[in-house]
Amino acid sequence: MPISPWRALNPDGGDHYLAFERRFRYVVEDPAHTWRRVWIPTVIACPVCEADTGLRLAYKTGTDVVVEAACRAGHTWVEPRVDVSLWMAYCRFRTGERDVYWLWLIEAGFGEEPPPPIDHVEEIRQGVVEVAKYGRRKAKAKFRRKARKVKKQVGKRVRNEAMRPVAAVLRTVWAVQAGGVEPVKSPRRRPAGAKVPKTPPLSAYRKAYGVQAPEKGPDCLVCQDSGRITAPGISIPCTECAGPAAAVLEAAERRAARARQGGGRRKASSTSGNQ
């Protein structure tokens, strides 16, 4: 029966199951040494497909007699070369129990092969290469940004110089259509002490071009400044304005107020002059 890959390691419950990504080794005693024990780690492989990585080993206390093994291809076989007591001790070691009586087993090489040693020199070299590549990429990106900016500025200047004659022709055409008046272009930097030409009023432009000033319309659009709303059979006072008489009185009051203020100022100035 194939070993289920969903089984969990539980030595206290009698379930000793482990899966290995690297090769698994069992130990045998070296017969060449008679005065002391020397253990030889031996790698286990599938007897069918000869796969030595990705194996699964399991033993159930009270159910199994020997350790069973399985490979990734689904081949299952009995592995009597793995001692049950050693396998149970190794499973407890993998759960975190550090029994001093079984440390010799780990030192002898029983269990999964350790990962290959890390070559710190190679790691440092690769790190330096990656940092150098990152710095080169950043420097290239910065150079491209500057090159694009300079190219854009140069292209803008070239376009401005190329369009300068076209702009002059357009200004001439505009001046001809406007009646011979050329547009006044203020310089970007005005020299010190230079006087700024004053813009003529709108009346000067009307006089130059012979355009009549628009007539001023009535202030009240309801009664046309008449003070009454009239229609066939209707003549009522306008409620939207005070009427022409009120407007005349208001204007007279404003003129009188200005006259009083001006007279007071002249009187004050003459008094101060006499003193």
C-alpha atoms as a PDB file:
ATOM      1  CA  MET A   1       0.000   0.000   0.000  1.00  0.00           C
ATOM      2  CA  PRO A   2       1.525   3.393  -0.979  1.00  0.00           C
ATOM      3  CA  ILE A   3       2.507   5.699   1.843  1.00  0.00           C
ATOM      4  CA  SER A   4       0.117   8.657   2.032  1.00  0.00           C
ATOM      5  CA  PRO A   5       1.928  11.984   1.626  1.00  0.00           C
ATOM      6  CA  TRP A   6      -0.582  13.576   4.015  1.00  0.00           C
ATOM      7  CA  ARG A   7       0.570  11.651   7.049  1.00  0.00           C
ATOM      8  CA  ALA A   8       2.034  13.691   9.904  1.00  0.00           C
ATOM      9  CA  LEU A   9       5.032  13.038  12.133  1.00  0.00           C
ATOM     10  CA  ASN A  10       3.789  12.048  15.590  1.00  0.00           C
ATOM     11  CA  PRO A  11       6.268   9.907  17.520  1.00  0.00           C
ATOM     12  CA  ASP A  12       4.188  10.067  20.704  1.00  0.00           C
ATOM     13  CA  GLY A  13       1.226   8.615  18.787  1.00  0.00           C
ATOM     14  CA  GLY A  14       3.358   5.924  17.183  1.00  0.00           C
ATOM     15  CA  ASP A  15       3.387   7.485  13.691  1.00  0.00           C
ATOM     16  CA  HIS A  16       6.955   7.946  12.449  1.00  0.00           C
ATOM     17  CA  TYR A  17       6.688   9.497   8.992  1.00  0.00           C
ATOM     18  CA  LEU A  18       9.150  11.811   7.215  1.00  0.00           C
ATOM     19  CA  ALA A  19       9.611  13.047   3.653  1.00  0.00           C
ATOM     20  CA  PHE A  20      13.012  14.082   2.328  1.00  0.00           C
ATOM     21  CA  GLU A  21      13.970  16.427  -0.505  1.00  0.00           C
ATOM     22  CA  ARG A  22      17.641  15.438  -0.329  1.00  0.00           C
ATOM     23  CA  ARG A  23      19.096  11.947  -0.184  1.00  0.00           C
ATOM     24  CA  PHE A  24      18.538   9.769   2.910  1.00  0.00           C
ATOM     25  CA  ARG A  25      21.395   7.731   4.419  1.00  0.00           C
ATOM     26  CA  TYR A  26      21.457   4.810   6.809  1.00  0.00           C
ATOM     27  CA  VAL A  27      24.632   3.701   8.625  1.00  0.00           C
ATOM     28  CA  VAL A  28      26.412   0.363   8.614  1.00  0.00           C
ATOM     29  CA  GLU A  29      29.394  -0.652  10.723  1.00  0.00           C
ATOM     30  CA  ASP A  30      32.757  -0.750   8.959  1.00  0.00           C
ATOM     31  CA  PRO A  31      34.172  -4.310   9.316  1.00  0.00           C
ATOM     32  CA  ALA A  32      37.711  -3.132   8.670  1.00  0.00           C
ATOM     33  CA  HIS A  33      37.885  -1.488  12.092  1.00  0.00           C
ATOM     34  CA  THR A  34      38.033  -4.023  14.920  1.00  0.00           C
ATOM     35  CA  TRP A  35      39.272  -1.982  17.847  1.00  0.00           C
ATOM     36  CA  ARG A  36      36.646   0.777  17.536  1.00  0.00           C
ATOM     37  CA  ARG A  37      33.336   1.288  15.716  1.00  0.00           C
ATOM     38  CA  VAL A  38      33.297   3.262  12.501  1.00  0.00           C
ATOM     39  CA  TRP A  39      30.018   3.900  10.712  1.00  0.00           C
ATOM     40  CA  ILE A  40      29.655   4.180   6.945  1.00  0.00           C
ATOM     41  CA  PRO A  41      26.709   6.293   5.682  1.00  0.00           C
ATOM     42  CA  THR A  42      24.945   4.598   2.763  1.00  0.00           C
ATOM     43  CA  VAL A  43      22.379   6.232   0.499  1.00  0.00           C
ATOM     44  CA  ILE A  44      18.970   4.615  -0.044  1.00  0.00           C
ATOM     45  CA  ALA A  45      17.546   4.509  -3.588  1.00  0.00           C
ATOM     46  CA  CYS A  46      14.377   3.158  -5.173  1.00  0.00           C
ATOM     47  CA  PRO A  47      14.966  -0.409  -6.412  1.00  0.00           C
ATOM     48  CA  VAL A  48      12.743   0.221  -9.473  1.00  0.00           C
ATOM     49  CA  CYS A  49      13.589   3.713 -10.782  1.00  0.00           C
ATOM     50  CA  GLU A  50      16.782   4.215  -8.727  1.00  0.00           C
ATOM     51  CA  ALA A  51      15.549   7.616  -7.440  1.00  0.00           C
ATOM     52  CA  ASP A  52      17.453   8.724  -4.342  1.00  0.00           C
ATOM     53  CA  THR A  53      15.745  12.094  -3.732  1.00  0.00           C
ATOM     54  CA  GLY A  54      12.173  12.856  -2.765  1.00  0.00           C
ATOM     55  CA  LEU A  55      11.755   9.629  -0.761  1.00  0.00           C
ATOM     56  CA  ARG A  56       9.221   9.028   2.028  1.00  0.00           C
ATOM     57  CA  LEU A  57       9.831   6.661   4.965  1.00  0.00           C
ATOM     58  CA  ALA A  58       7.191   5.577   7.477  1.00  0.00           C
ATOM     59  CA  TYR A  59       6.754   3.232  10.421  1.00  0.00           C
ATOM     60  CA  LYS A  60       3.615   2.703  12.524  1.00  0.00           C
ATOM     61  CA  THR A  61       4.153   1.389  16.037  1.00  0.00           C
ATOM     62  CA  GLY A  62       2.069  -1.745  16.665  1.00  0.00           C
ATOM     63  CA  THR A  63       1.183  -2.167  12.975  1.00  0.00           C
ATOM     64  CA  ASP A  64       4.380  -2.290  10.926  1.00  0.00           C
ATOM     65  CA  VAL A  65       7.281  -4.637  11.477  1.00  0.00           C
ATOM     66  CA  VAL A  66       9.881  -2.863   9.368  1.00  0.00           C
ATOM     67  CA  VAL A  67      10.254   0.593   7.858  1.00  0.00           C
ATOM     68  CA  GLU A  68       8.459   1.145   4.550  1.00  0.00           C
ATOM     69  CA  ALA A  69       9.698   3.527   1.835  1.00  0.00           C
ATOM     70  CA  ALA A  70       8.179   5.170  -1.245  1.00  0.00           C
ATOM     71  CA  CYS A  71       9.437   7.383  -4.068  1.00  0.00           C
ATOM     72  CA  ARG A  72       7.779  10.127  -6.024  1.00  0.00           C
ATOM     73  CA  ALA A  73       6.930   7.780  -8.880  1.00  0.00           C
ATOM     74  CA  GLY A  74       4.667   5.765  -6.523  1.00  0.00           C
ATOM     75  CA  HIS A  75       6.947   2.753  -6.010  1.00  0.00           C
ATOM     76  CA  THR A  76       6.685   1.296  -2.498  1.00  0.00           C
ATOM     77  CA  TRP A  77       9.026  -1.222  -0.919  1.00  0.00           C
ATOM     78  CA  VAL A  78      10.132  -2.581   2.442  1.00  0.00           C
ATOM     79  CA  GLU A  79      13.441  -1.196   3.677  1.00  0.00           C
ATOM     80  CA  PRO A  80      14.932  -3.630   6.229  1.00  0.00           C
ATOM     81  CA  ARG A  81      18.329  -1.886   6.085  1.00  0.00           C
ATOM     82  CA  VAL A  82      16.928   0.976   8.180  1.00  0.00           C
ATOM     83  CA  ASP A  83      16.851  -0.193  11.789  1.00  0.00           C
ATOM     84  CA  VAL A  84      13.511   0.525  13.459  1.00  0.00           C
ATOM     85  CA  SER A  85      15.035   1.777  16.712  1.00  0.00           C
ATOM     86  CA  LEU A  86      17.406   4.090  14.863  1.00  0.00           C
ATOM     87  CA  TRP A  87      14.545   5.364  12.708  1.00  0.00           C
ATOM     88  CA  MET A  88      12.367   6.074  15.754  1.00  0.00           C
ATOM     89  CA  ALA A  89      15.253   7.907  17.468  1.00  0.00           C
ATOM     90  CA  TYR A  90      15.869   9.989  14.351  1.00  0.00           C
ATOM     91  CA  CYS A  91      12.161  10.923  14.144  1.00  0.00           C
ATOM     92  CA  ARG A  92      12.213  12.081  17.764  1.00  0.00           C
ATOM     93  CA  PHE A  93      15.377  14.072  16.995  1.00  0.00           C
ATOM     94  CA  ARG A  94      13.515  15.789  14.134  1.00  0.00           C
ATOM     95  CA  THR A  95      10.680  16.757  16.466  1.00  0.00           C
ATOM     96  CA  GLY A  96      13.100  18.642  18.718  1.00  0.00           C
ATOM     97  CA  GLU A  97      14.008  16.068  21.354  1.00  0.00           C
ATOM     98  CA  ARG A  98      17.772  16.140  21.914  1.00  0.00           C
ATOM     99  CA  ASP A  99      18.629  12.862  23.626  1.00  0.00           C
ATOM    100  CA  VAL A 100      22.358  12.764  24.399  1.00  0.00           C
ATOM    101  CA  TYR A 101      22.398   8.971  23.978  1.00  0.00           C
ATOM    102  CA  TRP A 102      21.490   9.316  20.303  1.00  0.00           C
ATOM    103  CA  LEU A 103      23.828  12.154  19.324  1.00  0.00           C
ATOM    104  CA  TRP A 104      26.307   9.621  17.941  1.00  0.00           C
ATOM    105  CA  LEU A 105      23.663   8.652  15.389  1.00  0.00           C
ATOM    106  CA  ILE A 106      23.528  12.146  13.928  1.00  0.00           C
ATOM    107  CA  GLU A 107      27.325  12.451  14.037  1.00  0.00           C
ATOM    108  CA  ALA A 108      27.660   9.129  12.203  1.00  0.00           C
ATOM    109  CA  GLY A 109      25.650  10.531   9.265  1.00  0.00           C
ATOM    110  CA  PHE A 110      22.280   8.832   9.763  1.00  0.00           C
ATOM    111  CA  GLY A 111      19.338  10.719   8.188  1.00  0.00           C
ATOM    112  CA  GLU A 112      18.921  13.291   5.464  1.00  0.00           C
ATOM    113  CA  GLU A 113      22.037  14.722   3.886  1.00  0.00           C
ATOM    114  CA  PRO A 114      22.881  18.219   5.108  1.00  0.00           C
ATOM    115  CA  PRO A 115      22.479  21.076   2.621  1.00  0.00           C
ATOM    116  CA  PRO A 116      25.559  21.970   0.607  1.00  0.00           C
ATOM    117  CA  PRO A 117      27.873  24.485   2.266  1.00  0.00           C
ATOM    118  CA  ILE A 118      27.384  28.112   1.369  1.00  0.00           C
ATOM    119  CA  ASP A 119      30.191  29.632  -0.618  1.00  0.00           C
ATOM    120  CA  HIS A 120      30.410  33.046   1.027  1.00  0.00           C
ATOM    121  CA  VAL A 121      33.022  34.228  -1.457  1.00  0.00           C
ATOM    122  CA  GLU A 122      30.710  33.419  -4.353  1.00  0.00           C
ATOM    123  CA  GLU A 123      27.755  35.008  -2.559  1.00  0.00           C
ATOM    124  CA  ILE A 124      29.735  38.193  -1.985  1.00  0.00           C
ATOM    125  CA  ARG A 125      30.888  38.200  -5.599  1.00  0.00           C
ATOM    126  CA  GLN A 126      27.324  37.824  -6.855  1.00  0.00           C
ATOM    127  CA  GLY A 127      26.180  40.585  -4.493  1.00  0.00           C
ATOM    128  CA  VAL A 128      28.871  42.924  -5.777  1.00  0.00           C
ATOM    129  CA  VAL A 129      27.886  42.120  -9.369  1.00  0.00           C
ATOM    130  CA  GLU A 130      24.212  42.812  -8.647  1.00  0.00           C
ATOM    131  CA  VAL A 131      25.045  46.120  -6.930  1.00  0.00           C
ATOM    132  CA  ALA A 132      27.241  47.130  -9.872  1.00  0.00           C
ATOM    133  CA  LYS A 133      24.461  46.263 -12.330  1.00  0.00           C
ATOM    134  CA  TYR A 134      21.976  48.287 -10.291  1.00  0.00           C
ATOM    135  CA  GLY A 135      24.327  51.278 -10.215  1.00  0.00           C
ATOM    136  CA  ARG A 136      24.898  51.008 -13.974  1.00  0.00           C
ATOM    137  CA  ARG A 137      21.161  50.923 -14.630  1.00  0.00           C
ATOM    138  CA  LYS A 138      20.611  53.997 -12.463  1.00  0.00           C
ATOM    139  CA  ALA A 139      23.474  55.878 -14.158  1.00  0.00           C
ATOM    140  CA  LYS A 140      22.144  55.013 -17.621  1.00  0.00           C
ATOM    141  CA  ALA A 141      18.650  56.141 -16.670  1.00  0.00           C
ATOM    142  CA  LYS A 142      20.007  59.453 -15.318  1.00  0.00           C
ATOM    143  CA  PHE A 143      22.051  60.013 -18.498  1.00  0.00           C
ATOM    144  CA  ARG A 144      19.012  59.255 -20.676  1.00  0.00           C
ATOM    145  CA  ARG A 145      16.913  61.767 -18.728  1.00  0.00           C
ATOM    146  CA  LYS A 146      19.538  64.486 -19.179  1.00  0.00           C
ATOM    147  CA  ALA A 147      19.954  63.639 -22.871  1.00  0.00           C
ATOM    148  CA  ARG A 148      16.191  63.804 -23.447  1.00  0.00           C
ATOM    149  CA  LYS A 149      16.015  67.164 -21.646  1.00  0.00           C
ATOM    150  CA  VAL A 150      18.871  68.656 -23.705  1.00  0.00           C
ATOM    151  CA  LYS A 151      17.397  67.240 -26.912  1.00  0.00           C
ATOM    152  CA  LYS A 152      14.034  68.760 -26.093  1.00  0.00           C
ATOM    153  CA  GLN A 153      15.560  72.185 -25.395  1.00  0.00           C
ATOM    154  CA  VAL A 154      17.620  72.107 -28.609  1.00  0.00           C
ATOM    155  CA  GLY A 155      14.610  71.009 -30.627  1.00  0.00           C
ATOM    156  CA  LYS A 156      12.555  73.838 -29.171  1.00  0.00           C
ATOM    157  CA  ARG A 157      15.223  76.394 -30.100  1.00  0.00           C
ATOM    158  CA  VAL A 158      15.520  74.980 -33.627  1.00  0.00           C
ATOM    159  CA  ARG A 159      11.750  75.123 -34.105  1.00  0.00           C
ATOM    160  CA  ASN A 160      11.638  78.710 -32.844  1.00  0.00           C
ATOM    161  CA  GLU A 161      14.407  79.758 -35.238  1.00  0.00           C
ATOM    162  CA  ALA A 162      12.731  77.950 -38.125  1.00  0.00           C
ATOM    163  CA  MET A 163       9.349  79.568 -37.416  1.00  0.00           C
ATOM    164  CA  ARG A 164      10.749  83.071 -36.901  1.00  0.00           C
ATOM    165  CA  PRO A 165      10.299  84.083 -40.632  1.00  0.00           C
ATOM    166  CA  VAL A 166       6.784  82.660 -40.604  1.00  0.00           C
ATOM    167  CA  ALA A 167       5.953  84.712 -37.504  1.00  0.00           C
ATOM    168  CA  ALA A 168       7.322  87.859 -39.195  1.00  0.00           C
ATOM    169  CA  VAL A 169       5.116  87.256 -42.244  1.00  0.00           C
ATOM    170  CA  LEU A 170       2.083  86.711 -40.041  1.00  0.00           C
ATOM    171  CA  ARG A 171       2.778  89.944 -38.139  1.00  0.00           C
ATOM    172  CA  THR A 172       3.060  91.844 -41.442  1.00  0.00           C
ATOM    173  CA  VAL A 173      -0.209  90.407 -42.706  1.00  0.00           C
ATOM    174  CA  TRP A 174      -1.910  91.287 -39.431  1.00  0.00           C
ATOM    175  CA  ALA A 175      -0.557  94.858 -39.628  1.00  0.00           C
ATOM    176  CA  VAL A 176      -1.861  95.235 -43.195  1.00  0.00           C
ATOM    177  CA  GLN A 177      -5.294  93.952 -42.228  1.00  0.00           C
ATOM    178  CA  ALA A 178      -5.358  96.219 -39.147  1.00  0.00           C
ATOM    179  CA  GLY A 179      -4.730  99.329 -41.241  1.00  0.00           C
ATOM    180  CA  GLY A 180      -0.999  99.690 -41.030  1.00  0.00           C
ATOM    181  CA  VAL A 181      -0.707  99.645 -37.225  1.00  0.00           C
ATOM    182  CA  GLU A 182       2.027  97.243 -36.145  1.00  0.00           C
ATOM    183  CA  PRO A 183       1.640  95.435 -32.825  1.00  0.00           C
ATOM    184  CA  VAL A 184       3.749  96.799 -30.017  1.00  0.00           C
ATOM    185  CA  LYS A 185       5.857  94.109 -28.379  1.00  0.00           C
ATOM    186  CA  SER A 186       7.329  95.025 -25.045  1.00  0.00           C
ATOM    187  CA  PRO A 187      10.892  93.790 -24.502  1.00  0.00           C
ATOM    188  CA  ARG A 188      11.491  91.066 -21.945  1.00  0.00           C
ATOM    189  CA  ARG A 189      14.146  93.109 -20.184  1.00  0.00           C
ATOM    190  CA  ARG A 190      13.512  96.846 -20.112  1.00  0.00           C
ATOM    191  CA  PRO A 191      16.680  98.962 -19.832  1.00  0.00           C
ATOM    192  CA  ALA A 192      17.062 101.096 -16.743  1.00  0.00           C
ATOM    193  CA  GLY A 193      15.502 104.560 -17.065  1.00  0.00           C
ATOM    194  CA  ALA A 194      13.474 103.684 -20.178  1.00  0.00           C
ATOM    195  CA  LYS A 195       9.950 105.052 -20.296  1.00  0.00           C
ATOM    196  CA  VAL A 196       7.097 102.662 -20.883  1.00  0.00           C
ATOM    197  CA  PRO A 197       4.793 103.930 -23.671  1.00  0.00           C
ATOM    198  CA  LYS A 198       1.298 104.577 -22.402  1.00  0.00           C
ATOM    199  CA  THR A 199      -1.544 102.711 -23.995  1.00  0.00           C
ATOM    200  CA  PRO A 200      -3.931 105.124 -25.792  1.00  0.00           C
ATOM    201  CA  PRO A 201      -7.519 105.199 -24.560  1.00  0.00           C
ATOM    202  CA  LEU A 202     -10.323 103.506 -26.417  1.00  0.00           C
ATOM    203  CA  SER A 203     -11.623 106.854 -27.673  1.00  0.00           C
ATOM    204  CA  ALA A 204      -8.315 107.431 -29.494  1.00  0.00           C
ATOM    205  CA  TYR A 205      -8.686 104.131 -31.326  1.00  0.00           C
ATOM    206  CA  ARG A 206     -12.293 105.014 -32.247  1.00  0.00           C
ATOM    207  CA  LYS A 207     -11.163 108.384 -33.575  1.00  0.00           C
ATOM    208  CA  ALA A 208      -8.285 106.841 -35.559  1.00  0.00           C
ATOM    209  CA  TYR A 209     -10.479 104.218 -37.195  1.00  0.00           C
ATOM    210  CA  GLY A 210     -13.536 106.464 -37.533  1.00  0.00           C
ATOM    211  CA  VAL A 211     -15.729 104.301 -35.322  1.00  0.00           C
ATOM    212  CA  GLN A 212     -18.625 105.999 -33.564  1.00  0.00           C
ATOM    213  CA  ALA A 213     -19.024 105.520 -29.857  1.00  0.00           C
ATOM    214  CA  PRO A 214     -21.999 103.367 -28.881  1.00  0.00           C
ATOM    215  CA  GLU A 215     -24.979 105.268 -27.602  1.00  0.00           C
ATOM    216  CA  LYS A 216     -25.723 104.933 -23.915  1.00  0.00           C
ATOM    217  CA  GLY A 217     -28.918 103.043 -23.291  1.00  0.00           C
ATOM    218  CA  PRO A 218     -31.523 103.831 -20.641  1.00  0.00           C
ATOM    219  CA  ASP A 219     -30.764 102.980 -17.026  1.00  0.00           C
ATOM    220  CA  CYS A 220     -34.217 101.458 -16.480  1.00  0.00           C
ATOM    221  CA  LEU A 221     -35.211  98.944 -19.091  1.00  0.00           C
ATOM    222  CA  VAL A 222     -38.794  98.766 -17.787  1.00  0.00           C
ATOM    223  CA  CYS A 223     -39.937 102.364 -18.281  1.00  0.00           C
ATOM    224  CA  GLN A 224     -37.069 103.543 -20.544  1.00  0.00           C
ATOM    225  CA  ASP A 225     -36.232 106.292 -17.953  1.00  0.00           C
ATOM    226  CA  SER A 226     -39.725 107.834 -18.339  1.00  0.00           C
ATOM    227  CA  GLY A 227     -40.838 107.060 -14.800  1.00  0.00           C
ATOM    228  CA  ARG A 228     -44.137 105.445 -15.902  1.00  0.00           C
ATOM    229  CA  ILE A 229     -45.120 102.168 -17.435  1.00  0.00           C
ATOM    230  CA  THR A 230     -47.426 102.903 -20.315  1.00  0.00           C
ATOM    231  CA  ALA A 231     -49.491 100.664 -22.546  1.00  0.00           C
ATOM    232  CA  PRO A 232     -52.792 100.988 -24.412  1.00  0.00           C
ATOM    233  CA  GLY A 233     -55.145 102.092 -21.641  1.00  0.00           C
ATOM    234  CA  ILE A 234     -52.465 101.783 -18.905  1.00  0.00           C
ATOM    235  CA  SER A 235     -50.222 104.425 -17.283  1.00  0.00           C
ATOM    236  CA  ILE A 236     -48.833 103.569 -13.879  1.00  0.00           C
ATOM    237  CA  PRO A 237     -45.701 104.738 -12.003  1.00  0.00           C
ATOM    238  CA  CYS A 238     -42.605 102.554 -12.511  1.00  0.00           C
ATOM    239  CA  THR A 239     -41.723 100.485  -9.453  1.00  0.00           C
ATOM    240  CA  GLU A 240     -38.272  99.482 -10.716  1.00  0.00           C
ATOM    241  CA  CYS A 241     -36.727 102.976 -10.642  1.00  0.00           C
ATOM    242  CA  ALA A 242     -37.231 106.308  -8.863  1.00  0.00           C
ATOM    243  CA  GLY A 243     -38.188 108.152 -12.073  1.00  0.00           C
ATOM    244  CA  PRO A 244     -36.408 110.898 -14.055  1.00  0.00           C
ATOM    245  CA  ALA A 245     -37.126 113.609 -11.493  1.00  0.00           C
ATOM    246  CA  ALA A 246     -35.575 111.561  -8.681  1.00  0.00           C
ATOM    247  CA  ALA A 247     -32.562 110.825 -10.870  1.00  0.00           C
ATOM    248  CA  VAL A 248     -32.119 114.551 -11.590  1.00  0.00           C
ATOM    249  CA  LEU A 249     -32.396 115.405  -7.901  1.00  0.00           C
ATOM    250  CA  GLU A 250     -29.907 112.698  -6.960  1.00  0.00           C
ATOM    251  CA  ALA A 251     -27.447 114.001  -9.549  1.00  0.00           C
ATOM    252  CA  ALA A 252     -27.889 117.574  -8.237  1.00  0.00           C
ATOM    253  CA  GLU A 253     -27.254 116.392  -4.681  1.00  0.00           C
ATOM    254  CA  ARG A 254     -24.049 114.660  -5.764  1.00  0.00           C
ATOM    255  CA  ARG A 255     -22.829 117.802  -7.537  1.00  0.00           C
ATOM    256  CA  ALA A 256     -23.652 119.941  -4.507  1.00  0.00           C
ATOM    257  CA  ALA A 257     -21.787 117.519  -2.210  1.00  0.00           C
ATOM    258  CA  ARG A 258     -18.736 117.625  -4.444  1.00  0.00           C
ATOM    259  CA  ALA A 259     -18.906 121.414  -4.551  1.00  0.00           C
ATOM    260  CA  ARG A 260     -19.113 121.629  -0.778  1.00  0.00           C
ATOM    261  CA  GLN A 261     -16.180 119.282  -0.344  1.00  0.00           C
ATOM    262  CA  GLY A 262     -14.116 121.191  -2.903  1.00  0.00           C
ATOM    263  CA  GLY A 263     -14.992 124.577  -1.339  1.00  0.00           C
ATOM    264  CA  GLY A 264     -13.967 123.323   2.103  1.00  0.00           C
ATOM    265  CA  ARG A 265     -10.613 122.121   0.821  1.00  0.00           C
ATOM    266  CA  ARG A 266      -9.924 125.417  -1.021  1.00  0.00           C
ATOM    267  CA  LYS A 267     -10.850 127.407   2.096  1.00  0.00           C
ATOM    268  CA  ALA A 268      -8.569 125.294   4.266  1.00  0.00           C
ATOM    269  CA  SER A 269      -5.697 125.664   1.811  1.00  0.00           C
ATOM    270  CA  SER A 270      -6.116 129.474   1.600  1.00  0.00           C
ATOM    271  CA  THR A 271      -6.168 129.733   5.408  1.00  0.00           C
ATOM    272  CA  SER A 272      -2.972 127.761   5.716  1.00  0.00           C
ATOM    273  CA  GLY A 273      -1.344 129.974   3.036  1.00  0.00           C
ATOM    274  CA  ASN A 274      -2.192 133.197   4.868  1.00  0.00           C
ATOM    275  CA  GLN A 275      -0.649 131.899   8.012  1.00  0.00           C
END
